[in-house]
Amino acid sequence: MAVIVKYVVERNGVERMTFTSKKEADAYDKMLDMAESLEQMLTKVDVPLSEQQVESLALEIAKQKDEFLAVLKGAKPPTKQVSSKKEKPATQENVAKLKEA
C-alpha cells in the first residue's frame, strides 16, 4: 500500500486545488492572496465592472504578475498570448477544479 501526501489549498471552507508538493500549494495560495488583494483594489476603480469581472480580472493579473510587473516598469507587453507555465496542476482532478475556479 502506498502513502500519498496531498496538499490542499482551501479558501472560505471551499477546496480550491490539490497538489502533491508543498511548494506548488504555497505558490498557488500566495497567488490567491494576491488576487484577493487585487479584487479589493479593482472594486475602487472608476470603471463599471461586475463582481464576476472583477474576480476574473484579479485572478488573471495574479496569474500573470511577472508580465504585468514588467509592463508597469516600462517594458513592452508580450506580442503573443501569455500562458502561465509556472502553474501546473498535479492531477487530472486539479485540471477540472481549475476550470471550475
PDB file of N, CA and C in Angstrom:
ATOM      1  N   MET A   1       0.845  -1.168   0.000  1.00  0.00           N
ATOM      2  CA  MET A   1       0.000   0.000   0.000  1.00  0.00           C
ATOM      3  C   MET A   1       0.895   1.237   0.000  1.00  0.00           C
ATOM      4  N   ALA A   2       0.543   2.206  -0.818  1.00  0.00           N
ATOM      5  CA  ALA A   2       1.315   3.434  -0.928  1.00  0.00           C
ATOM      6  C   ALA A   2       0.684   4.539  -0.102  1.00  0.00           C
ATOM      7  N   VAL A   3       1.533   5.370   0.443  1.00  0.00           N
ATOM      8  CA  VAL A   3       1.072   6.541   1.175  1.00  0.00           C
ATOM      9  C   VAL A   3       1.313   7.746   0.287  1.00  0.00           C
ATOM     10  N   ILE A   4       0.263   8.510   0.042  1.00  0.00           N
ATOM     11  CA  ILE A   4       0.366   9.682  -0.818  1.00  0.00           C
ATOM     12  C   ILE A   4       0.032  10.911   0.003  1.00  0.00           C
ATOM     13  N   VAL A   5       0.951  11.875  -0.041  1.00  0.00           N
ATOM     14  CA  VAL A   5       0.738  13.127   0.668  1.00  0.00           C
ATOM     15  C   VAL A   5       0.132  14.115  -0.310  1.00  0.00           C
ATOM     16  N   LYS A   6      -0.955  14.751   0.105  1.00  0.00           N
ATOM     17  CA  LYS A   6      -1.607  15.758  -0.731  1.00  0.00           C
ATOM     18  C   LYS A   6      -1.704  17.056   0.054  1.00  0.00           C
ATOM     19  N   TYR A   7      -1.467  18.145  -0.641  1.00  0.00           N
ATOM     20  CA  TYR A   7      -1.581  19.470  -0.045  1.00  0.00           C
ATOM     21  C   TYR A   7      -2.797  20.144  -0.674  1.00  0.00           C
ATOM     22  N   VAL A   8      -3.736  20.532   0.163  1.00  0.00           N
ATOM     23  CA  VAL A   8      -4.993  21.101  -0.298  1.00  0.00           C
ATOM     24  C   VAL A   8      -5.017  22.591   0.005  1.00  0.00           C
ATOM     25  N   VAL A   9      -5.316  23.382  -1.017  1.00  0.00           N
ATOM     26  CA  VAL A   9      -5.486  24.825  -0.837  1.00  0.00           C
ATOM     27  C   VAL A   9      -6.976  25.056  -0.677  1.00  0.00           C
ATOM     28  N   GLU A  10      -7.343  25.670   0.437  1.00  0.00           N
ATOM     29  CA  GLU A  10      -8.744  25.879   0.774  1.00  0.00           C
ATOM     30  C   GLU A  10      -8.990  27.363   1.017  1.00  0.00           C
ATOM     31  N   ARG A  11     -10.090  27.862   0.519  1.00  0.00           N
ATOM     32  CA  ARG A  11     -10.494  29.254   0.722  1.00  0.00           C
ATOM     33  C   ARG A  11     -11.931  29.289   1.189  1.00  0.00           C
ATOM     34  N   ASN A  12     -12.182  29.945   2.293  1.00  0.00           N
ATOM     35  CA  ASN A  12     -13.535  30.098   2.832  1.00  0.00           C
ATOM     36  C   ASN A  12     -14.273  28.770   2.917  1.00  0.00           C
ATOM     37  N   GLY A  13     -13.572  27.734   3.345  1.00  0.00           N
ATOM     38  CA  GLY A  13     -14.181  26.427   3.501  1.00  0.00           C
ATOM     39  C   GLY A  13     -14.373  25.651   2.214  1.00  0.00           C
ATOM     40  N   VAL A  14     -13.887  26.189   1.093  1.00  0.00           N
ATOM     41  CA  VAL A  14     -14.036  25.533  -0.206  1.00  0.00           C
ATOM     42  C   VAL A  14     -12.658  25.067  -0.685  1.00  0.00           C
ATOM     43  N   GLU A  15     -12.567  23.801  -1.035  1.00  0.00           N
ATOM     44  CA  GLU A  15     -11.319  23.264  -1.550  1.00  0.00           C
ATOM     45  C   GLU A  15     -11.099  23.788  -2.958  1.00  0.00           C
ATOM     46  N   ARG A  16      -9.976  24.496  -3.161  1.00  0.00           N
ATOM     47  CA  ARG A  16      -9.699  25.098  -4.465  1.00  0.00           C
ATOM     48  C   ARG A  16      -8.833  24.200  -5.354  1.00  0.00           C
ATOM     49  N   MET A  17      -7.733  23.690  -4.798  1.00  0.00           N
ATOM     50  CA  MET A  17      -6.815  22.856  -5.583  1.00  0.00           C
ATOM     51  C   MET A  17      -6.115  21.879  -4.660  1.00  0.00           C
ATOM     52  N   THR A  18      -5.652  20.761  -5.236  1.00  0.00           N
ATOM     53  CA  THR A  18      -4.873  19.775  -4.513  1.00  0.00           C
ATOM     54  C   THR A  18      -3.547  19.598  -5.240  1.00  0.00           C
ATOM     55  N   PHE A  19      -2.469  19.601  -4.474  1.00  0.00           N
ATOM     56  CA  PHE A  19      -1.132  19.476  -5.045  1.00  0.00           C
ATOM     57  C   PHE A  19      -0.380  18.337  -4.374  1.00  0.00           C
ATOM     58  N   THR A  20       0.646  17.860  -5.047  1.00  0.00           N
ATOM     59  CA  THR A  20       1.488  16.820  -4.470  1.00  0.00           C
ATOM     60  C   THR A  20       2.745  17.394  -3.839  1.00  0.00           C
ATOM     61  N   SER A  21       2.988  18.694  -4.026  1.00  0.00           N
ATOM     62  CA  SER A  21       4.155  19.309  -3.387  1.00  0.00           C
ATOM     63  C   SER A  21       3.725  20.546  -2.610  1.00  0.00           C
ATOM     64  N   LYS A  22       4.360  20.730  -1.475  1.00  0.00           N
ATOM     65  CA  LYS A  22       4.069  21.881  -0.625  1.00  0.00           C
ATOM     66  C   LYS A  22       4.424  23.183  -1.338  1.00  0.00           C
ATOM     67  N   LYS A  23       5.502  23.168  -2.095  1.00  0.00           N
ATOM     68  CA  LYS A  23       5.947  24.370  -2.818  1.00  0.00           C
ATOM     69  C   LYS A  23       4.871  24.852  -3.797  1.00  0.00           C
ATOM     70  N   GLU A  24       4.297  23.933  -4.555  1.00  0.00           N
ATOM     71  CA  GLU A  24       3.243  24.300  -5.505  1.00  0.00           C
ATOM     72  C   GLU A  24       2.003  24.810  -4.779  1.00  0.00           C
ATOM     73  N   ALA A  25       1.649  24.149  -3.687  1.00  0.00           N
ATOM     74  CA  ALA A  25       0.475  24.561  -2.919  1.00  0.00           C
ATOM     75  C   ALA A  25       0.677  25.956  -2.340  1.00  0.00           C
ATOM     76  N   ASP A  26       1.861  26.223  -1.802  1.00  0.00           N
ATOM     77  CA  ASP A  26       2.160  27.548  -1.251  1.00  0.00           C
ATOM     78  C   ASP A  26       2.123  28.625  -2.330  1.00  0.00           C
ATOM     79  N   ALA A  27       2.671  28.310  -3.501  1.00  0.00           N
ATOM     80  CA  ALA A  27       2.667  29.271  -4.605  1.00  0.00           C
ATOM     81  C   ALA A  27       1.237  29.587  -5.043  1.00  0.00           C
ATOM     82  N   TYR A  28       0.388  28.582  -5.123  1.00  0.00           N
ATOM     83  CA  TYR A  28      -0.999  28.788  -5.526  1.00  0.00           C
ATOM     84  C   TYR A  28      -1.743  29.605  -4.474  1.00  0.00           C
ATOM     85  N   ASP A  29      -1.499  29.296  -3.203  1.00  0.00           N
ATOM     86  CA  ASP A  29      -2.127  30.036  -2.113  1.00  0.00           C
ATOM     87  C   ASP A  29      -1.701  31.501  -2.136  1.00  0.00           C
ATOM     88  N   LYS A  30      -0.435  31.736  -2.405  1.00  0.00           N
ATOM     89  CA  LYS A  30       0.075  33.113  -2.498  1.00  0.00           C
ATOM     90  C   LYS A  30      -0.585  33.855  -3.669  1.00  0.00           C
ATOM     91  N   MET A  31      -0.762  33.151  -4.795  1.00  0.00           N
ATOM     92  CA  MET A  31      -1.407  33.750  -5.954  1.00  0.00           C
ATOM     93  C   MET A  31      -2.857  34.108  -5.632  1.00  0.00           C
ATOM     94  N   LEU A  32      -3.555  33.250  -4.875  1.00  0.00           N
ATOM     95  CA  LEU A  32      -4.931  33.547  -4.475  1.00  0.00           C
ATOM     96  C   LEU A  32      -4.980  34.743  -3.517  1.00  0.00           C
ATOM     97  N   ASP A  33      -4.002  34.858  -2.619  1.00  0.00           N
ATOM     98  CA  ASP A  33      -3.915  36.028  -1.734  1.00  0.00           C
ATOM     99  C   ASP A  33      -3.764  37.302  -2.555  1.00  0.00           C
ATOM    100  N   MET A  34      -2.898  37.236  -3.558  1.00  0.00           N
ATOM    101  CA  MET A  34      -2.658  38.386  -4.417  1.00  0.00           C
ATOM    102  C   MET A  34      -3.932  38.757  -5.177  1.00  0.00           C
ATOM    103  N   ALA A  35      -4.639  37.767  -5.684  1.00  0.00           N
ATOM    104  CA  ALA A  35      -5.876  38.018  -6.420  1.00  0.00           C
ATOM    105  C   ALA A  35      -6.921  38.659  -5.516  1.00  0.00           C
ATOM    106  N   GLU A  36      -6.973  38.212  -4.280  1.00  0.00           N
ATOM    107  CA  GLU A  36      -7.915  38.788  -3.315  1.00  0.00           C
ATOM    108  C   GLU A  36      -7.613  40.267  -3.063  1.00  0.00           C
ATOM    109  N   SER A  37      -6.342  40.598  -2.917  1.00  0.00           N
ATOM    110  CA  SER A  37      -5.943  41.996  -2.727  1.00  0.00           C
ATOM    111  C   SER A  37      -6.252  42.831  -3.970  1.00  0.00           C
ATOM    112  N   LEU A  38      -6.017  42.250  -5.134  1.00  0.00           N
ATOM    113  CA  LEU A  38      -6.325  42.951  -6.384  1.00  0.00           C
ATOM    114  C   LEU A  38      -7.821  43.204  -6.528  1.00  0.00           C
ATOM    115  N   GLU A  39      -8.628  42.250  -6.094  1.00  0.00           N
ATOM    116  CA  GLU A  39     -10.082  42.434  -6.139  1.00  0.00           C
ATOM    117  C   GLU A  39     -10.482  43.663  -5.331  1.00  0.00           C
ATOM    118  N   GLN A  40      -9.910  43.807  -4.147  1.00  0.00           N
ATOM    119  CA  GLN A  40     -10.224  44.962  -3.304  1.00  0.00           C
ATOM    120  C   GLN A  40      -9.840  46.262  -4.003  1.00  0.00           C
ATOM    121  N   MET A  41      -8.707  46.264  -4.689  1.00  0.00           N
ATOM    122  CA  MET A  41      -8.284  47.454  -5.423  1.00  0.00           C
ATOM    123  C   MET A  41      -9.213  47.733  -6.605  1.00  0.00           C
ATOM    124  N   LEU A  42      -9.569  46.686  -7.342  1.00  0.00           N
ATOM    125  CA  LEU A  42     -10.381  46.856  -8.547  1.00  0.00           C
ATOM    126  C   LEU A  42     -11.797  47.318  -8.244  1.00  0.00           C
ATOM    127  N   THR A  43     -12.307  47.017  -7.065  1.00  0.00           N
ATOM    128  CA  THR A  43     -13.651  47.485  -6.723  1.00  0.00           C
ATOM    129  C   THR A  43     -13.664  48.996  -6.504  1.00  0.00           C
ATOM    130  N   LYS A  44     -12.494  49.590  -6.294  1.00  0.00           N
ATOM    131  CA  LYS A  44     -12.404  51.024  -6.041  1.00  0.00           C
ATOM    132  C   LYS A  44     -12.150  51.843  -7.309  1.00  0.00           C
ATOM    133  N   VAL A  45     -11.855  51.184  -8.432  1.00  0.00           N
ATOM    134  CA  VAL A  45     -11.577  51.924  -9.661  1.00  0.00           C
ATOM    135  C   VAL A  45     -12.865  52.491 -10.237  1.00  0.00           C
ATOM    136  N   ASP A  46     -12.734  53.546 -11.021  1.00  0.00           N
ATOM    137  CA  ASP A  46     -13.887  54.228 -11.581  1.00  0.00           C
ATOM    138  C   ASP A  46     -14.238  53.656 -12.955  1.00  0.00           C
ATOM    139  N   VAL A  47     -14.298  52.331 -13.015  1.00  0.00           N
ATOM    140  CA  VAL A  47     -14.683  51.636 -14.243  1.00  0.00           C
ATOM    141  C   VAL A  47     -15.784  50.654 -13.860  1.00  0.00           C
ATOM    142  N   PRO A  48     -16.915  50.708 -14.562  1.00  0.00           N
ATOM    143  CA  PRO A  48     -18.020  49.810 -14.190  1.00  0.00           C
ATOM    144  C   PRO A  48     -17.704  48.354 -14.543  1.00  0.00           C
ATOM    145  N   LEU A  49     -17.469  47.553 -13.516  1.00  0.00           N
ATOM    146  CA  LEU A  49     -17.196  46.134 -13.692  1.00  0.00           C
ATOM    147  C   LEU A  49     -18.125  45.334 -12.777  1.00  0.00           C
ATOM    148  N   SER A  50     -18.600  44.221 -13.297  1.00  0.00           N
ATOM    149  CA  SER A  50     -19.426  43.352 -12.460  1.00  0.00           C
ATOM    150  C   SER A  50     -18.525  42.640 -11.447  1.00  0.00           C
ATOM    151  N   GLU A  51     -19.138  42.056 -10.443  1.00  0.00           N
ATOM    152  CA  GLU A  51     -18.372  41.327  -9.430  1.00  0.00           C
ATOM    153  C   GLU A  51     -17.592  40.184 -10.071  1.00  0.00           C
ATOM    154  N   GLN A  52     -18.208  39.494 -11.026  1.00  0.00           N
ATOM    155  CA  GLN A  52     -17.546  38.384 -11.723  1.00  0.00           C
ATOM    156  C   GLN A  52     -16.367  38.890 -12.552  1.00  0.00           C
ATOM    157  N   GLN A  53     -16.522  40.038 -13.203  1.00  0.00           N
ATOM    158  CA  GLN A  53     -15.434  40.604 -13.988  1.00  0.00           C
ATOM    159  C   GLN A  53     -14.261  40.999 -13.096  1.00  0.00           C
ATOM    160  N   VAL A  54     -14.561  41.592 -11.959  1.00  0.00           N
ATOM    161  CA  VAL A  54     -13.509  41.985 -11.013  1.00  0.00           C
ATOM    162  C   VAL A  54     -12.755  40.751 -10.543  1.00  0.00           C
ATOM    163  N   GLU A  55     -13.492  39.699 -10.189  1.00  0.00           N
ATOM    164  CA  GLU A  55     -12.879  38.464  -9.708  1.00  0.00           C
ATOM    165  C   GLU A  55     -12.004  37.829 -10.789  1.00  0.00           C
ATOM    166  N   SER A  56     -12.517  37.751 -12.009  1.00  0.00           N
ATOM    167  CA  SER A  56     -11.772  37.142 -13.113  1.00  0.00           C
ATOM    168  C   SER A  56     -10.530  37.950 -13.467  1.00  0.00           C
ATOM    169  N   LEU A  57     -10.685  39.261 -13.528  1.00  0.00           N
ATOM    170  CA  LEU A  57      -9.558  40.131 -13.857  1.00  0.00           C
ATOM    171  C   LEU A  57      -8.474  40.046 -12.789  1.00  0.00           C
ATOM    172  N   ALA A  58      -8.864  40.074 -11.540  1.00  0.00           N
ATOM    173  CA  ALA A  58      -7.892  39.978 -10.441  1.00  0.00           C
ATOM    174  C   ALA A  58      -7.131  38.663 -10.502  1.00  0.00           C
ATOM    175  N   LEU A  59      -7.824  37.573 -10.787  1.00  0.00           N
ATOM    176  CA  LEU A  59      -7.180  36.263 -10.862  1.00  0.00           C
ATOM    177  C   LEU A  59      -6.203  36.200 -12.032  1.00  0.00           C
ATOM    178  N   GLU A  60      -6.579  36.736 -13.170  1.00  0.00           N
ATOM    179  CA  GLU A  60      -5.689  36.733 -14.335  1.00  0.00           C
ATOM    180  C   GLU A  60      -4.449  37.591 -14.094  1.00  0.00           C
ATOM    181  N   ILE A  61      -4.629  38.755 -13.475  1.00  0.00           N
ATOM    182  CA  ILE A  61      -3.475  39.609 -13.171  1.00  0.00           C
ATOM    183  C   ILE A  61      -2.540  38.883 -12.215  1.00  0.00           C
ATOM    184  N   ALA A  62      -3.096  38.229 -11.214  1.00  0.00           N
ATOM    185  CA  ALA A  62      -2.271  37.492 -10.246  1.00  0.00           C
ATOM    186  C   ALA A  62      -1.530  36.341 -10.921  1.00  0.00           C
ATOM    187  N   LYS A  63      -2.184  35.655 -11.847  1.00  0.00           N
ATOM    188  CA  LYS A  63      -1.543  34.536 -12.553  1.00  0.00           C
ATOM    189  C   LYS A  63      -0.381  35.020 -13.414  1.00  0.00           C
ATOM    190  N   GLN A  64      -0.520  36.214 -13.978  1.00  0.00           N
ATOM    191  CA  GLN A  64       0.488  36.733 -14.892  1.00  0.00           C
ATOM    192  C   GLN A  64       1.219  37.931 -14.288  1.00  0.00           C
ATOM    193  N   LYS A  65       1.445  37.882 -12.987  1.00  0.00           N
ATOM    194  CA  LYS A  65       2.011  39.026 -12.279  1.00  0.00           C
ATOM    195  C   LYS A  65       3.353  39.464 -12.833  1.00  0.00           C
ATOM    196  N   ASP A  66       4.208  38.526 -13.219  1.00  0.00           N
ATOM    197  CA  ASP A  66       5.528  38.898 -13.723  1.00  0.00           C
ATOM    198  C   ASP A  66       5.421  39.740 -14.992  1.00  0.00           C
ATOM    199  N   GLU A  67       4.512  39.362 -15.880  1.00  0.00           N
ATOM    200  CA  GLU A  67       4.323  40.117 -17.120  1.00  0.00           C
ATOM    201  C   GLU A  67       3.744  41.499 -16.823  1.00  0.00           C
ATOM    202  N   PHE A  68       2.771  41.569 -15.905  1.00  0.00           N
ATOM    203  CA  PHE A  68       2.189  42.859 -15.548  1.00  0.00           C
ATOM    204  C   PHE A  68       3.227  43.762 -14.890  1.00  0.00           C
ATOM    205  N   LEU A  69       4.037  43.204 -14.008  1.00  0.00           N
ATOM    206  CA  LEU A  69       5.072  44.000 -13.349  1.00  0.00           C
ATOM    207  C   LEU A  69       6.079  44.547 -14.359  1.00  0.00           C
ATOM    208  N   ALA A  70       6.445  43.724 -15.334  1.00  0.00           N
ATOM    209  CA  ALA A  70       7.385  44.171 -16.363  1.00  0.00           C
ATOM    210  C   ALA A  70       6.808  45.340 -17.151  1.00  0.00           C
ATOM    211  N   VAL A  71       5.533  45.239 -17.520  1.00  0.00           N
ATOM    212  CA  VAL A  71       4.881  46.319 -18.271  1.00  0.00           C
ATOM    213  C   VAL A  71       4.803  47.585 -17.413  1.00  0.00           C
ATOM    214  N   LEU A  72       4.469  47.438 -16.148  1.00  0.00           N
ATOM    215  CA  LEU A  72       4.380  48.594 -15.256  1.00  0.00           C
ATOM    216  C   LEU A  72       5.741  49.258 -15.049  1.00  0.00           C
ATOM    217  N   LYS A  73       6.800  48.496 -15.231  1.00  0.00           N
ATOM    218  CA  LYS A  73       8.150  49.052 -15.110  1.00  0.00           C
ATOM    219  C   LYS A  73       8.642  49.651 -16.418  1.00  0.00           C
ATOM    220  N   GLY A  74       7.824  49.557 -17.469  1.00  0.00           N
ATOM    221  CA  GLY A  74       8.172  50.199 -18.727  1.00  0.00           C
ATOM    222  C   GLY A  74       8.518  49.268 -19.867  1.00  0.00           C
ATOM    223  N   ALA A  75       8.504  47.982 -19.650  1.00  0.00           N
ATOM    224  CA  ALA A  75       8.788  47.031 -20.724  1.00  0.00           C
ATOM    225  C   ALA A  75       7.594  46.961 -21.670  1.00  0.00           C
ATOM    226  N   LYS A  76       7.872  46.541 -22.885  1.00  0.00           N
ATOM    227  CA  LYS A  76       6.786  46.375 -23.850  1.00  0.00           C
ATOM    228  C   LYS A  76       6.031  45.091 -23.538  1.00  0.00           C
ATOM    229  N   PRO A  77       4.714  45.114 -23.758  1.00  0.00           N
ATOM    230  CA  PRO A  77       3.931  43.897 -23.494  1.00  0.00           C
ATOM    231  C   PRO A  77       4.315  42.793 -24.475  1.00  0.00           C
ATOM    232  N   PRO A  78       4.168  41.537 -24.063  1.00  0.00           N
ATOM    233  CA  PRO A  78       4.451  40.420 -24.974  1.00  0.00           C
ATOM    234  C   PRO A  78       3.547  40.494 -26.193  1.00  0.00           C
ATOM    235  N   THR A  79       4.064  40.081 -27.336  1.00  0.00           N
ATOM    236  CA  THR A  79       3.282  40.164 -28.571  1.00  0.00           C
ATOM    237  C   THR A  79       2.335  39.002 -28.747  1.00  0.00           C
ATOM    238  N   LYS A  80       2.601  37.880 -28.100  1.00  0.00           N
ATOM    239  CA  LYS A  80       1.687  36.745 -28.200  1.00  0.00           C
ATOM    240  C   LYS A  80       1.015  36.538 -26.859  1.00  0.00           C
ATOM    241  N   GLN A  81      -0.079  35.754 -26.871  1.00  0.00           N
ATOM    242  CA  GLN A  81      -0.824  35.497 -25.645  1.00  0.00           C
ATOM    243  C   GLN A  81       0.073  34.762 -24.660  1.00  0.00           C
ATOM    244  N   VAL A  82       0.087  35.247 -23.425  1.00  0.00           N
ATOM    245  CA  VAL A  82       0.939  34.682 -22.392  1.00  0.00           C
ATOM    246  C   VAL A  82       0.220  33.533 -21.726  1.00  0.00           C
ATOM    247  N   SER A  83       0.909  32.412 -21.586  1.00  0.00           N
ATOM    248  CA  SER A  83       0.344  31.296 -20.834  1.00  0.00           C
ATOM    249  C   SER A  83       1.204  31.062 -19.614  1.00  0.00           C
ATOM    250  N   SER A  84       0.564  30.772 -18.517  1.00  0.00           N
ATOM    251  CA  SER A  84       1.285  30.563 -17.262  1.00  0.00           C
ATOM    252  C   SER A  84       1.908  29.177 -17.259  1.00  0.00           C
ATOM    253  N   LYS A  85       3.239  29.117 -17.432  1.00  0.00           N
ATOM    254  CA  LYS A  85       3.935  27.838 -17.434  1.00  0.00           C
ATOM    255  C   LYS A  85       4.292  27.411 -16.029  1.00  0.00           C
ATOM    256  N   LYS A  86       4.259  28.334 -15.067  1.00  0.00           N
ATOM    257  CA  LYS A  86       4.644  28.029 -13.704  1.00  0.00           C
ATOM    258  C   LYS A  86       3.599  27.192 -12.990  1.00  0.00           C
ATOM    259  N   GLU A  87       2.331  27.426 -13.281  1.00  0.00           N
ATOM    260  CA  GLU A  87       1.250  26.755 -12.566  1.00  0.00           C
ATOM    261  C   GLU A  87       0.856  25.494 -13.323  1.00  0.00           C
ATOM    262  N   LYS A  88       1.253  24.357 -12.797  1.00  0.00           N
ATOM    263  CA  LYS A  88       0.921  23.088 -13.418  1.00  0.00           C
ATOM    264  C   LYS A  88       0.153  22.240 -12.420  1.00  0.00           C
ATOM    265  N   PRO A  89      -1.107  21.965 -12.703  1.00  0.00           N
ATOM    266  CA  PRO A  89      -1.867  21.116 -11.789  1.00  0.00           C
ATOM    267  C   PRO A  89      -1.215  19.744 -11.659  1.00  0.00           C
ATOM    268  N   ALA A  90      -1.286  19.174 -10.481  1.00  0.00           N
ATOM    269  CA  ALA A  90      -0.614  17.912 -10.202  1.00  0.00           C
ATOM    270  C   ALA A  90      -1.387  16.704 -10.723  1.00  0.00           C
ATOM    271  N   THR A  91      -2.701  16.828 -10.881  1.00  0.00           N
ATOM    272  CA  THR A  91      -3.504  15.682 -11.309  1.00  0.00           C
ATOM    273  C   THR A  91      -4.607  16.133 -12.249  1.00  0.00           C
ATOM    274  N   GLN A  92      -5.274  15.156 -12.848  1.00  0.00           N
ATOM    275  CA  GLN A  92      -6.420  15.467 -13.704  1.00  0.00           C
ATOM    276  C   GLN A  92      -7.518  16.141 -12.895  1.00  0.00           C
ATOM    277  N   GLU A  93      -7.635  15.763 -11.627  1.00  0.00           N
ATOM    278  CA  GLU A  93      -8.626  16.368 -10.738  1.00  0.00           C
ATOM    279  C   GLU A  93      -8.386  17.876 -10.629  1.00  0.00           C
ATOM    280  N   ASN A  94      -7.109  18.254 -10.588  1.00  0.00           N
ATOM    281  CA  ASN A  94      -6.773  19.669 -10.483  1.00  0.00           C
ATOM    282  C   ASN A  94      -7.166  20.436 -11.739  1.00  0.00           C
ATOM    283  N   VAL A  95      -7.048  19.801 -12.885  1.00  0.00           N
ATOM    284  CA  VAL A  95      -7.439  20.459 -14.137  1.00  0.00           C
ATOM    285  C   VAL A  95      -8.929  20.785 -14.092  1.00  0.00           C
ATOM    286  N   ALA A  96      -9.720  19.830 -13.651  1.00  0.00           N
ATOM    287  CA  ALA A  96     -11.162  20.048 -13.563  1.00  0.00           C
ATOM    288  C   ALA A  96     -11.487  21.138 -12.552  1.00  0.00           C
ATOM    289  N   LYS A  97     -10.790  21.140 -11.429  1.00  0.00           N
ATOM    290  CA  LYS A  97     -11.029  22.161 -10.413  1.00  0.00           C
ATOM    291  C   LYS A  97     -10.595  23.532 -10.882  1.00  0.00           C
ATOM    292  N   LEU A  98      -9.506  23.594 -11.655  1.00  0.00           N
ATOM    293  CA  LEU A  98      -9.044  24.869 -12.179  1.00  0.00           C
ATOM    294  C   LEU A  98     -10.088  25.472 -13.118  1.00  0.00           C
ATOM    295  N   LYS A  99     -10.731  24.640 -13.906  1.00  0.00           N
ATOM    296  CA  LYS A  99     -11.779  25.118 -14.806  1.00  0.00           C
ATOM    297  C   LYS A  99     -12.971  25.640 -14.029  1.00  0.00           C
ATOM    298  N   GLU A 100     -13.248  25.039 -12.859  1.00  0.00           N
ATOM    299  CA  GLU A 100     -14.354  25.495 -12.026  1.00  0.00           C
ATOM    300  C   GLU A 100     -14.060  26.841 -11.387  1.00  0.00           C
ATOM    301  N   ALA A 101     -12.795  27.052 -11.024  1.00  0.00           N
ATOM    302  CA  ALA A 101     -12.407  28.266 -10.305  1.00  0.00           C
ATOM    303  C   ALA A 101     -12.414  29.447 -11.167  1.00  0.00           C
TER     304      ALA A 101
END
